[in-house]
């Protein structure tokens, strides 16, 4: 099977699927700007997720290496419980700090 010959394709076939000629990008009005609530929601969400992931990794590690975990089932349970608990702690604290920052600015 041979690859297609792209030199024979007529560019007019695809219509206006390409980069604009004047090097400007037109942003639709529904995506431009953004009010206070949109900025607040975006910033707190983008802060909550990564800090929650960091908290869950920290919690999983602290639960997994807990000396009270005597068998595998208890170790897994402690690791998952600590991961969930620390996700909430880290995520909520960071998102709250970001909300205070958004209100202050």
PDB file of N, CA and C in Angstrom:
ATOM      1  N   UNK A   1       0.840  -1.179   0.000  1.00  0.00           N
ATOM      2  CA  UNK A   1       0.000   0.000   0.000  1.00  0.00           C
ATOM      3  C   UNK A   1       0.884   1.241   0.000  1.00  0.00           C
ATOM      4  N   UNK A   2       0.649   2.145  -0.913  1.00  0.00           N
ATOM      5  CA  UNK A   2       1.455   3.333  -1.041  1.00  0.00           C
ATOM      6  C   UNK A   2       0.764   4.516  -0.367  1.00  0.00           C
ATOM      7  N   UNK A   3       1.563   5.435   0.200  1.00  0.00           N
ATOM      8  CA  UNK A   3       0.952   6.614   0.820  1.00  0.00           C
ATOM      9  C   UNK A   3       0.339   7.506  -0.251  1.00  0.00           C
ATOM     10  N   UNK A   4      -0.671   8.298   0.138  1.00  0.00           N
ATOM     11  CA  UNK A   4      -1.308   9.177  -0.837  1.00  0.00           C
ATOM     12  C   UNK A   4      -0.363  10.287  -1.270  1.00  0.00           C
ATOM     13  N   UNK A   5      -0.570  10.774  -2.474  1.00  0.00           N
ATOM     14  CA  UNK A   5       0.221  11.874  -3.003  1.00  0.00           C
ATOM     15  C   UNK A   5      -0.476  13.179  -2.636  1.00  0.00           C
ATOM     16  N   UNK A   6       0.043  13.888  -1.632  1.00  0.00           N
ATOM     17  CA  UNK A   6      -0.594  15.103  -1.153  1.00  0.00           C
ATOM     18  C   UNK A   6      -0.389  16.282  -2.099  1.00  0.00           C
ATOM     19  N   UNK A   7       0.509  16.165  -3.050  1.00  0.00           N
ATOM     20  CA  UNK A   7       0.740  17.242  -3.991  1.00  0.00           C
ATOM     21  C   UNK A   7      -0.402  17.436  -4.974  1.00  0.00           C
ATOM     22  N   UNK A   8      -1.252  16.432  -5.115  1.00  0.00           N
ATOM     23  CA  UNK A   8      -2.351  16.535  -6.074  1.00  0.00           C
ATOM     24  C   UNK A   8      -3.653  16.994  -5.434  1.00  0.00           C
ATOM     25  N   UNK A   9      -3.659  17.291  -4.129  1.00  0.00           N
ATOM     26  CA  UNK A   9      -4.885  17.712  -3.451  1.00  0.00           C
ATOM     27  C   UNK A   9      -5.116  19.194  -3.710  1.00  0.00           C
ATOM     28  N   UNK A  10      -6.313  19.541  -4.120  1.00  0.00           N
ATOM     29  CA  UNK A  10      -6.678  20.933  -4.380  1.00  0.00           C
ATOM     30  C   UNK A  10      -7.044  21.603  -3.056  1.00  0.00           C
ATOM     31  N   UNK A  11      -6.338  22.674  -2.631  1.00  0.00           N
ATOM     32  CA  UNK A  11      -6.629  23.307  -1.341  1.00  0.00           C
ATOM     33  C   UNK A  11      -8.017  23.920  -1.264  1.00  0.00           C
ATOM     34  N   UNK A  12      -8.623  24.223  -2.418  1.00  0.00           N
ATOM     35  CA  UNK A  12      -9.961  24.805  -2.402  1.00  0.00           C
ATOM     36  C   UNK A  12     -11.023  23.790  -1.986  1.00  0.00           C
ATOM     37  N   UNK A  13     -10.663  22.526  -1.963  1.00  0.00           N
ATOM     38  CA  UNK A  13     -11.603  21.477  -1.572  1.00  0.00           C
ATOM     39  C   UNK A  13     -12.047  21.663  -0.128  1.00  0.00           C
ATOM     40  N   UNK A  14     -11.145  22.121   0.709  1.00  0.00           N
ATOM     41  CA  UNK A  14     -11.433  22.219   2.133  1.00  0.00           C
ATOM     42  C   UNK A  14     -12.051  23.552   2.533  1.00  0.00           C
ATOM     43  N   UNK A  15     -12.228  24.447   1.629  1.00  0.00           N
ATOM     44  CA  UNK A  15     -12.874  25.714   1.936  1.00  0.00           C
ATOM     45  C   UNK A  15     -11.998  26.599   2.798  1.00  0.00           C
ATOM     46  N   UNK A  16     -12.576  27.173   3.836  1.00  0.00           N
ATOM     47  CA  UNK A  16     -11.840  28.125   4.678  1.00  0.00           C
ATOM     48  C   UNK A  16     -11.299  27.473   5.937  1.00  0.00           C
ATOM     49  N   UNK A  17     -10.890  26.211   5.835  1.00  0.00           N
ATOM     50  CA  UNK A  17     -10.311  25.533   6.997  1.00  0.00           C
ATOM     51  C   UNK A  17      -8.832  25.869   7.076  1.00  0.00           C
ATOM     52  N   UNK A  18      -8.485  26.910   7.710  1.00  0.00           N
ATOM     53  CA  UNK A  18      -7.080  27.261   7.811  1.00  0.00           C
ATOM     54  C   UNK A  18      -6.879  28.472   8.676  1.00  0.00           C
ATOM     55  N   UNK A  19      -5.666  28.955   8.690  1.00  0.00           N
ATOM     56  CA  UNK A  19      -5.301  30.121   9.464  1.00  0.00           C
ATOM     57  C   UNK A  19      -5.784  31.365   8.723  1.00  0.00           C
ATOM     58  N   UNK A  20      -6.349  32.334   9.413  1.00  0.00           N
ATOM     59  CA  UNK A  20      -6.769  33.551   8.738  1.00  0.00           C
ATOM     60  C   UNK A  20      -5.591  34.260   8.082  1.00  0.00           C
ATOM     61  N   UNK A  21      -5.874  34.963   7.006  1.00  0.00           N
ATOM     62  CA  UNK A  21      -4.816  35.614   6.252  1.00  0.00           C
ATOM     63  C   UNK A  21      -4.204  36.805   6.974  1.00  0.00           C
ATOM     64  N   UNK A  22      -4.962  37.503   7.799  1.00  0.00           N
ATOM     65  CA  UNK A  22      -4.459  38.731   8.409  1.00  0.00           C
ATOM     66  C   UNK A  22      -3.782  38.506   9.764  1.00  0.00           C
ATOM     67  N   UNK A  23      -3.484  37.292  10.123  1.00  0.00           N
ATOM     68  CA  UNK A  23      -2.774  36.930  11.354  1.00  0.00           C
ATOM     69  C   UNK A  23      -3.468  37.399  12.628  1.00  0.00           C
ATOM     70  N   UNK A  24      -4.757  37.599  12.601  1.00  0.00           N
ATOM     71  CA  UNK A  24      -5.504  37.928  13.808  1.00  0.00           C
ATOM     72  C   UNK A  24      -6.454  36.789  14.112  1.00  0.00           C
ATOM     73  N   UNK A  25      -6.677  36.555  15.364  1.00  0.00           N
ATOM     74  CA  UNK A  25      -7.596  35.513  15.790  1.00  0.00           C
ATOM     75  C   UNK A  25      -8.834  36.184  16.337  1.00  0.00           C
ATOM     76  N   UNK A  26      -9.969  35.827  15.804  1.00  0.00           N
ATOM     77  CA  UNK A  26     -11.231  36.399  16.247  1.00  0.00           C
ATOM     78  C   UNK A  26     -11.806  35.523  17.362  1.00  0.00           C
ATOM     79  N   UNK A  27     -11.979  36.088  18.545  1.00  0.00           N
ATOM     80  CA  UNK A  27     -12.538  35.355  19.670  1.00  0.00           C
ATOM     81  C   UNK A  27     -14.023  35.673  19.743  1.00  0.00           C
ATOM     82  N   UNK A  28     -14.883  34.651  19.765  1.00  0.00           N
ATOM     83  CA  UNK A  28     -16.317  34.925  19.886  1.00  0.00           C
ATOM     84  C   UNK A  28     -16.626  35.674  21.176  1.00  0.00           C
ATOM     85  N   UNK A  29     -17.671  36.473  21.154  1.00  0.00           N
ATOM     86  CA  UNK A  29     -17.970  37.334  22.299  1.00  0.00           C
ATOM     87  C   UNK A  29     -18.290  36.546  23.559  1.00  0.00           C
ATOM     88  N   UNK A  30     -18.805  35.314  23.426  1.00  0.00           N
ATOM     89  CA  UNK A  30     -19.151  34.568  24.629  1.00  0.00           C
ATOM     90  C   UNK A  30     -17.909  34.072  25.370  1.00  0.00           C
ATOM     91  N   UNK A  31     -16.722  34.093  24.736  1.00  0.00           N
ATOM     92  CA  UNK A  31     -15.510  33.633  25.395  1.00  0.00           C
ATOM     93  C   UNK A  31     -14.574  34.765  25.770  1.00  0.00           C
ATOM     94  N   UNK A  32     -14.869  35.968  25.397  1.00  0.00           N
ATOM     95  CA  UNK A  32     -13.961  37.060  25.687  1.00  0.00           C
ATOM     96  C   UNK A  32     -14.291  37.675  27.045  1.00  0.00           C
ATOM     97  N   UNK A  33     -13.258  38.147  27.697  1.00  0.00           N
ATOM     98  CA  UNK A  33     -13.449  38.815  28.979  1.00  0.00           C
ATOM     99  C   UNK A  33     -13.781  37.833  30.083  1.00  0.00           C
ATOM    100  N   UNK A  34     -14.874  38.026  30.716  1.00  0.00           N
ATOM    101  CA  UNK A  34     -15.272  37.189  31.834  1.00  0.00           C
ATOM    102  C   UNK A  34     -15.484  38.054  33.048  1.00  0.00           C
ATOM    103  N   UNK A  35     -16.558  37.836  33.712  1.00  0.00           N
ATOM    104  CA  UNK A  35     -16.872  38.636  34.884  1.00  0.00           C
ATOM    105  C   UNK A  35     -16.197  38.110  36.128  1.00  0.00           C
ATOM    106  N   UNK A  36     -16.575  38.692  37.240  1.00  0.00           N
ATOM    107  CA  UNK A  36     -15.975  38.321  38.516  1.00  0.00           C
ATOM    108  C   UNK A  36     -16.293  36.875  38.884  1.00  0.00           C
ATOM    109  N   UNK A  37     -17.556  36.476  38.715  1.00  0.00           N
ATOM    110  CA  UNK A  37     -17.934  35.116  39.119  1.00  0.00           C
ATOM    111  C   UNK A  37     -17.253  34.067  38.260  1.00  0.00           C
ATOM    112  N   UNK A  38     -17.077  34.360  36.972  1.00  0.00           N
ATOM    113  CA  UNK A  38     -16.383  33.410  36.102  1.00  0.00           C
ATOM    114  C   UNK A  38     -14.920  33.265  36.507  1.00  0.00           C
ATOM    115  N   UNK A  39     -14.286  34.379  36.808  1.00  0.00           N
ATOM    116  CA  UNK A  39     -12.895  34.348  37.244  1.00  0.00           C
ATOM    117  C   UNK A  39     -12.759  33.632  38.584  1.00  0.00           C
ATOM    118  N   UNK A  40     -13.669  33.906  39.496  1.00  0.00           N
ATOM    119  CA  UNK A  40     -13.645  33.253  40.806  1.00  0.00           C
ATOM    120  C   UNK A  40     -13.818  31.743  40.671  1.00  0.00           C
ATOM    121  N   UNK A  41     -14.782  31.322  39.863  1.00  0.00           N
ATOM    122  CA  UNK A  41     -15.038  29.894  39.686  1.00  0.00           C
ATOM    123  C   UNK A  41     -13.851  29.202  39.038  1.00  0.00           C
ATOM    124  N   UNK A  42     -13.299  29.800  37.999  1.00  0.00           N
ATOM    125  CA  UNK A  42     -12.164  29.192  37.310  1.00  0.00           C
ATOM    126  C   UNK A  42     -10.959  29.086  38.236  1.00  0.00           C
ATOM    127  N   UNK A  43     -10.635  30.172  38.923  1.00  0.00           N
ATOM    128  CA  UNK A  43      -9.444  30.166  39.774  1.00  0.00           C
ATOM    129  C   UNK A  43      -9.567  29.199  40.945  1.00  0.00           C
ATOM    130  N   UNK A  44     -10.723  29.160  41.586  1.00  0.00           N
ATOM    131  CA  UNK A  44     -10.863  28.234  42.715  1.00  0.00           C
ATOM    132  C   UNK A  44     -10.858  26.789  42.237  1.00  0.00           C
ATOM    133  N   UNK A  45     -11.474  26.520  41.095  1.00  0.00           N
ATOM    134  CA  UNK A  45     -11.461  25.156  40.568  1.00  0.00           C
ATOM    135  C   UNK A  45     -10.080  24.699  40.162  1.00  0.00           C
ATOM    136  N   UNK A  46      -9.348  25.588  39.506  1.00  0.00           N
ATOM    137  CA  UNK A  46      -7.999  25.235  39.066  1.00  0.00           C
ATOM    138  C   UNK A  46      -7.016  25.182  40.226  1.00  0.00           C
ATOM    139  N   UNK A  47      -7.384  25.703  41.364  1.00  0.00           N
ATOM    140  CA  UNK A  47      -6.559  25.575  42.559  1.00  0.00           C
ATOM    141  C   UNK A  47      -6.944  24.331  43.353  1.00  0.00           C
ATOM    142  N   UNK A  48      -8.231  24.027  43.394  1.00  0.00           N
ATOM    143  CA  UNK A  48      -8.723  22.896  44.184  1.00  0.00           C
ATOM    144  C   UNK A  48      -8.191  21.565  43.655  1.00  0.00           C
ATOM    145  N   UNK A  49      -8.230  21.381  42.348  1.00  0.00           N
ATOM    146  CA  UNK A  49      -7.836  20.087  41.789  1.00  0.00           C
ATOM    147  C   UNK A  49      -6.365  19.738  42.020  1.00  0.00           C
ATOM    148  N   UNK A  50      -5.414  20.581  41.638  1.00  0.00           N
ATOM    149  CA  UNK A  50      -4.018  20.185  41.860  1.00  0.00           C
ATOM    150  C   UNK A  50      -3.648  20.060  43.334  1.00  0.00           C
ATOM    151  N   UNK A  51      -4.151  20.975  44.164  1.00  0.00           N
ATOM    152  CA  UNK A  51      -3.812  20.867  45.578  1.00  0.00           C
ATOM    153  C   UNK A  51      -4.483  19.652  46.209  1.00  0.00           C
ATOM    154  N   UNK A  52      -5.662  19.287  45.721  1.00  0.00           N
ATOM    155  CA  UNK A  52      -6.295  18.060  46.193  1.00  0.00           C
ATOM    156  C   UNK A  52      -5.503  16.826  45.807  1.00  0.00           C
ATOM    157  N   UNK A  53      -4.958  16.830  44.600  1.00  0.00           N
ATOM    158  CA  UNK A  53      -4.120  15.704  44.181  1.00  0.00           C
ATOM    159  C   UNK A  53      -2.864  15.595  45.037  1.00  0.00           C
ATOM    160  N   UNK A  54      -2.252  16.725  45.330  1.00  0.00           N
ATOM    161  CA  UNK A  54      -1.072  16.712  46.202  1.00  0.00           C
ATOM    162  C   UNK A  54      -1.453  16.188  47.585  1.00  0.00           C
ATOM    163  N   UNK A  55      -2.583  16.630  48.095  1.00  0.00           N
ATOM    164  CA  UNK A  55      -3.037  16.157  49.405  1.00  0.00           C
ATOM    165  C   UNK A  55      -3.350  14.678  49.426  1.00  0.00           C
ATOM    166  N   UNK A  56      -3.925  14.176  48.337  1.00  0.00           N
ATOM    167  CA  UNK A  56      -4.241  12.745  48.307  1.00  0.00           C
ATOM    168  C   UNK A  56      -2.981  11.898  48.232  1.00  0.00           C
ATOM    169  N   UNK A  57      -1.980  12.355  47.502  1.00  0.00           N
ATOM    170  CA  UNK A  57      -0.711  11.613  47.449  1.00  0.00           C
ATOM    171  C   UNK A  57      -0.051  11.613  48.819  1.00  0.00           C
ATOM    172  N   UNK A  58      -0.053  12.773  49.471  1.00  0.00           N
ATOM    173  CA  UNK A  58       0.514  12.856  50.811  1.00  0.00           C
ATOM    174  C   UNK A  58      -0.259  11.955  51.781  1.00  0.00           C
ATOM    175  N   UNK A  59      -1.589  11.992  51.712  1.00  0.00           N
ATOM    176  CA  UNK A  59      -2.397  11.172  52.604  1.00  0.00           C
ATOM    177  C   UNK A  59      -2.234   9.687  52.343  1.00  0.00           C
ATOM    178  N   UNK A  60      -2.156   9.309  51.070  1.00  0.00           N
ATOM    179  CA  UNK A  60      -1.957   7.897  50.740  1.00  0.00           C
ATOM    180  C   UNK A  60      -0.631   7.407  51.305  1.00  0.00           C
ATOM    181  N   UNK A  61       0.403   8.226  51.160  1.00  0.00           N
ATOM    182  CA  UNK A  61       1.719   7.850  51.670  1.00  0.00           C
ATOM    183  C   UNK A  61       1.706   7.744  53.192  1.00  0.00           C
ATOM    184  N   UNK A  62       1.072   8.700  53.865  1.00  0.00           N
ATOM    185  CA  UNK A  62       1.057   8.645  55.325  1.00  0.00           C
ATOM    186  C   UNK A  62       0.191   7.494  55.837  1.00  0.00           C
ATOM    187  N   UNK A  63      -0.863   7.152  55.127  1.00  0.00           N
ATOM    188  CA  UNK A  63      -1.682   6.014  55.536  1.00  0.00           C
ATOM    189  C   UNK A  63      -1.027   4.681  55.242  1.00  0.00           C
ATOM    190  N   UNK A  64      -0.294   4.621  54.137  1.00  0.00           N
ATOM    191  CA  UNK A  64       0.333   3.357  53.743  1.00  0.00           C
ATOM    192  C   UNK A  64       1.460   2.971  54.701  1.00  0.00           C
ATOM    193  N   UNK A  65       2.228   3.959  55.150  1.00  0.00           N
ATOM    194  CA  UNK A  65       3.360   3.674  56.028  1.00  0.00           C
ATOM    195  C   UNK A  65       3.019   3.878  57.500  1.00  0.00           C
ATOM    196  N   UNK A  66       1.745   3.833  57.842  1.00  0.00           N
ATOM    197  CA  UNK A  66       1.311   3.960  59.227  1.00  0.00           C
ATOM    198  C   UNK A  66       1.703   2.691  59.983  1.00  0.00           C
ATOM    199  N   UNK A  67       2.361   2.811  61.129  1.00  0.00           N
ATOM    200  CA  UNK A  67       2.795   1.603  61.853  1.00  0.00           C
ATOM    201  C   UNK A  67       1.636   0.805  62.454  1.00  0.00           C
ATOM    202  N   UNK A  68       0.431   1.407  62.545  1.00  0.00           N
ATOM    203  CA  UNK A  68      -0.708   0.679  63.091  1.00  0.00           C
ATOM    204  C   UNK A  68      -1.320  -0.296  62.094  1.00  0.00           C
ATOM    205  N   UNK A  69      -0.936  -0.206  60.825  1.00  0.00           N
ATOM    206  CA  UNK A  69      -1.478  -1.105  59.803  1.00  0.00           C
ATOM    207  C   UNK A  69      -0.759  -2.444  59.903  1.00  0.00           C
ATOM    208  N   UNK A  70      -1.475  -3.445  60.435  1.00  0.00           N
ATOM    209  CA  UNK A  70      -0.837  -4.739  60.680  1.00  0.00           C
ATOM    210  C   UNK A  70      -0.989  -5.705  59.510  1.00  0.00           C
ATOM    211  N   UNK A  71      -2.048  -5.579  58.724  1.00  0.00           N
ATOM    212  CA  UNK A  71      -2.192  -6.464  57.565  1.00  0.00           C
ATOM    213  C   UNK A  71      -2.505  -5.634  56.313  1.00  0.00           C
ATOM    214  N   UNK A  72      -2.570  -6.308  55.181  1.00  0.00           N
ATOM    215  CA  UNK A  72      -2.722  -5.611  53.910  1.00  0.00           C
ATOM    216  C   UNK A  72      -4.061  -4.896  53.786  1.00  0.00           C
ATOM    217  N   UNK A  73      -5.124  -5.526  54.212  1.00  0.00           N
ATOM    218  CA  UNK A  73      -6.456  -4.915  54.104  1.00  0.00           C
ATOM    219  C   UNK A  73      -6.545  -3.631  54.938  1.00  0.00           C
ATOM    220  N   UNK A  74      -6.010  -3.671  56.131  1.00  0.00           N
ATOM    221  CA  UNK A  74      -6.010  -2.494  56.992  1.00  0.00           C
ATOM    222  C   UNK A  74      -5.112  -1.398  56.421  1.00  0.00           C
ATOM    223  N   UNK A  75      -3.976  -1.791  55.830  1.00  0.00           N
ATOM    224  CA  UNK A  75      -3.069  -0.817  55.225  1.00  0.00           C
ATOM    225  C   UNK A  75      -3.731  -0.098  54.054  1.00  0.00           C
ATOM    226  N   UNK A  76      -4.436  -0.833  53.197  1.00  0.00           N
ATOM    227  CA  UNK A  76      -5.137  -0.236  52.054  1.00  0.00           C
ATOM    228  C   UNK A  76      -6.248   0.691  52.541  1.00  0.00           C
ATOM    229  N   UNK A  77      -6.985   0.249  53.540  1.00  0.00           N
ATOM    230  CA  UNK A  77      -8.068   1.063  54.083  1.00  0.00           C
ATOM    231  C   UNK A  77      -7.541   2.369  54.675  1.00  0.00           C
ATOM    232  N   UNK A  78      -6.460   2.278  55.444  1.00  0.00           N
ATOM    233  CA  UNK A  78      -5.890   3.488  56.040  1.00  0.00           C
ATOM    234  C   UNK A  78      -5.344   4.424  54.971  1.00  0.00           C
ATOM    235  N   UNK A  79      -4.727   3.875  53.944  1.00  0.00           N
ATOM    236  CA  UNK A  79      -4.162   4.710  52.878  1.00  0.00           C
ATOM    237  C   UNK A  79      -5.270   5.449  52.138  1.00  0.00           C
ATOM    238  N   UNK A  80      -6.360   4.767  51.801  1.00  0.00           N
ATOM    239  CA  UNK A  80      -7.453   5.412  51.071  1.00  0.00           C
ATOM    240  C   UNK A  80      -8.196   6.425  51.936  1.00  0.00           C
ATOM    241  N   UNK A  81      -8.376   6.097  53.219  1.00  0.00           N
ATOM    242  CA  UNK A  81      -9.033   7.051  54.122  1.00  0.00           C
ATOM    243  C   UNK A  81      -8.210   8.327  54.281  1.00  0.00           C
ATOM    244  N   UNK A  82      -6.919   8.170  54.462  1.00  0.00           N
ATOM    245  CA  UNK A  82      -6.054   9.348  54.606  1.00  0.00           C
ATOM    246  C   UNK A  82      -5.974  10.140  53.308  1.00  0.00           C
ATOM    247  N   UNK A  83      -5.992   9.454  52.165  1.00  0.00           N
ATOM    248  CA  UNK A  83      -5.958  10.158  50.883  1.00  0.00           C
ATOM    249  C   UNK A  83      -7.201  11.028  50.723  1.00  0.00           C
ATOM    250  N   UNK A  84      -8.370  10.492  51.031  1.00  0.00           N
ATOM    251  CA  UNK A  84      -9.606  11.265  50.932  1.00  0.00           C
ATOM    252  C   UNK A  84      -9.659  12.413  51.923  1.00  0.00           C
ATOM    253  N   UNK A  85      -9.210  12.152  53.134  1.00  0.00           N
ATOM    254  CA  UNK A  85      -9.228  13.191  54.163  1.00  0.00           C
ATOM    255  C   UNK A  85      -8.289  14.337  53.791  1.00  0.00           C
ATOM    256  N   UNK A  86      -7.088  14.003  53.316  1.00  0.00           N
ATOM    257  CA  UNK A  86      -6.127  15.048  52.967  1.00  0.00           C
ATOM    258  C   UNK A  86      -6.483  15.751  51.665  1.00  0.00           C
ATOM    259  N   UNK A  87      -7.186  15.070  50.740  1.00  0.00           N
ATOM    260  CA  UNK A  87      -7.676  15.739  49.532  1.00  0.00           C
ATOM    261  C   UNK A  87      -8.583  16.905  49.937  1.00  0.00           C
ATOM    262  N   UNK A  88      -9.510  16.606  50.861  1.00  0.00           N
ATOM    263  CA  UNK A  88     -10.440  17.653  51.295  1.00  0.00           C
ATOM    264  C   UNK A  88      -9.708  18.784  52.010  1.00  0.00           C
ATOM    265  N   UNK A  89      -8.785  18.437  52.896  1.00  0.00           N
ATOM    266  CA  UNK A  89      -8.063  19.468  53.648  1.00  0.00           C
ATOM    267  C   UNK A  89      -7.262  20.379  52.719  1.00  0.00           C
ATOM    268  N   UNK A  90      -6.428  19.772  51.890  1.00  0.00           N
ATOM    269  CA  UNK A  90      -5.557  20.560  51.021  1.00  0.00           C
ATOM    270  C   UNK A  90      -6.379  21.332  49.991  1.00  0.00           C
ATOM    271  N   UNK A  91      -7.339  20.655  49.361  1.00  0.00           N
ATOM    272  CA  UNK A  91      -8.135  21.296  48.321  1.00  0.00           C
ATOM    273  C   UNK A  91      -8.975  22.445  48.839  1.00  0.00           C
ATOM    274  N   UNK A  92      -9.666  22.225  49.945  1.00  0.00           N
ATOM    275  CA  UNK A  92     -10.519  23.283  50.498  1.00  0.00           C
ATOM    276  C   UNK A  92      -9.710  24.469  50.999  1.00  0.00           C
ATOM    277  N   UNK A  93      -8.580  24.205  51.632  1.00  0.00           N
ATOM    278  CA  UNK A  93      -7.756  25.312  52.125  1.00  0.00           C
ATOM    279  C   UNK A  93      -7.192  26.139  50.975  1.00  0.00           C
ATOM    280  N   UNK A  94      -6.713  25.477  49.947  1.00  0.00           N
ATOM    281  CA  UNK A  94      -6.141  26.212  48.815  1.00  0.00           C
ATOM    282  C   UNK A  94      -7.226  26.970  48.053  1.00  0.00           C
ATOM    283  N   UNK A  95      -8.390  26.354  47.855  1.00  0.00           N
ATOM    284  CA  UNK A  95      -9.475  27.028  47.141  1.00  0.00           C
ATOM    285  C   UNK A  95     -10.004  28.204  47.964  1.00  0.00           C
ATOM    286  N   UNK A  96     -10.049  28.067  49.260  1.00  0.00           N
ATOM    287  CA  UNK A  96     -10.456  29.183  50.114  1.00  0.00           C
ATOM    288  C   UNK A  96      -9.471  30.335  50.046  1.00  0.00           C
ATOM    289  N   UNK A  97      -8.186  30.015  50.012  1.00  0.00           N
ATOM    290  CA  UNK A  97      -7.174  31.075  49.882  1.00  0.00           C
ATOM    291  C   UNK A  97      -7.298  31.761  48.522  1.00  0.00           C
ATOM    292  N   UNK A  98      -7.595  30.989  47.476  1.00  0.00           N
ATOM    293  CA  UNK A  98      -7.748  31.591  46.152  1.00  0.00           C
ATOM    294  C   UNK A  98      -9.010  32.473  46.105  1.00  0.00           C
ATOM    295  N   UNK A  99     -10.066  32.059  46.786  1.00  0.00           N
ATOM    296  CA  UNK A  99     -11.284  32.877  46.819  1.00  0.00           C
ATOM    297  C   UNK A  99     -11.008  34.192  47.538  1.00  0.00           C
ATOM    298  N   UNK A 100     -10.262  34.159  48.626  1.00  0.00           N
ATOM    299  CA  UNK A 100      -9.908  35.387  49.332  1.00  0.00           C
ATOM    300  C   UNK A 100      -9.066  36.272  48.421  1.00  0.00           C
ATOM    301  N   UNK A 101      -8.140  35.677  47.676  1.00  0.00           N
ATOM    302  CA  UNK A 101      -7.321  36.448  46.743  1.00  0.00           C
ATOM    303  C   UNK A 101      -8.186  37.106  45.663  1.00  0.00           C
ATOM    304  N   UNK A 102      -9.184  36.362  45.138  1.00  0.00           N
ATOM    305  CA  UNK A 102     -10.055  36.921  44.102  1.00  0.00           C
ATOM    306  C   UNK A 102     -10.898  38.064  44.653  1.00  0.00           C
ATOM    307  N   UNK A 103     -11.379  37.928  45.872  1.00  0.00           N
ATOM    308  CA  UNK A 103     -12.160  39.014  46.464  1.00  0.00           C
ATOM    309  C   UNK A 103     -11.292  40.230  46.739  1.00  0.00           C
ATOM    310  N   UNK A 104     -10.029  40.012  47.085  1.00  0.00           N
ATOM    311  CA  UNK A 104      -9.139  41.134  47.408  1.00  0.00           C
ATOM    312  C   UNK A 104      -8.684  41.878  46.164  1.00  0.00           C
ATOM    313  N   UNK A 105      -8.615  41.190  45.034  1.00  0.00           N
ATOM    314  CA  UNK A 105      -8.092  41.874  43.843  1.00  0.00           C
ATOM    315  C   UNK A 105      -9.172  42.474  42.981  1.00  0.00           C
TER     316      UNK A 105
END
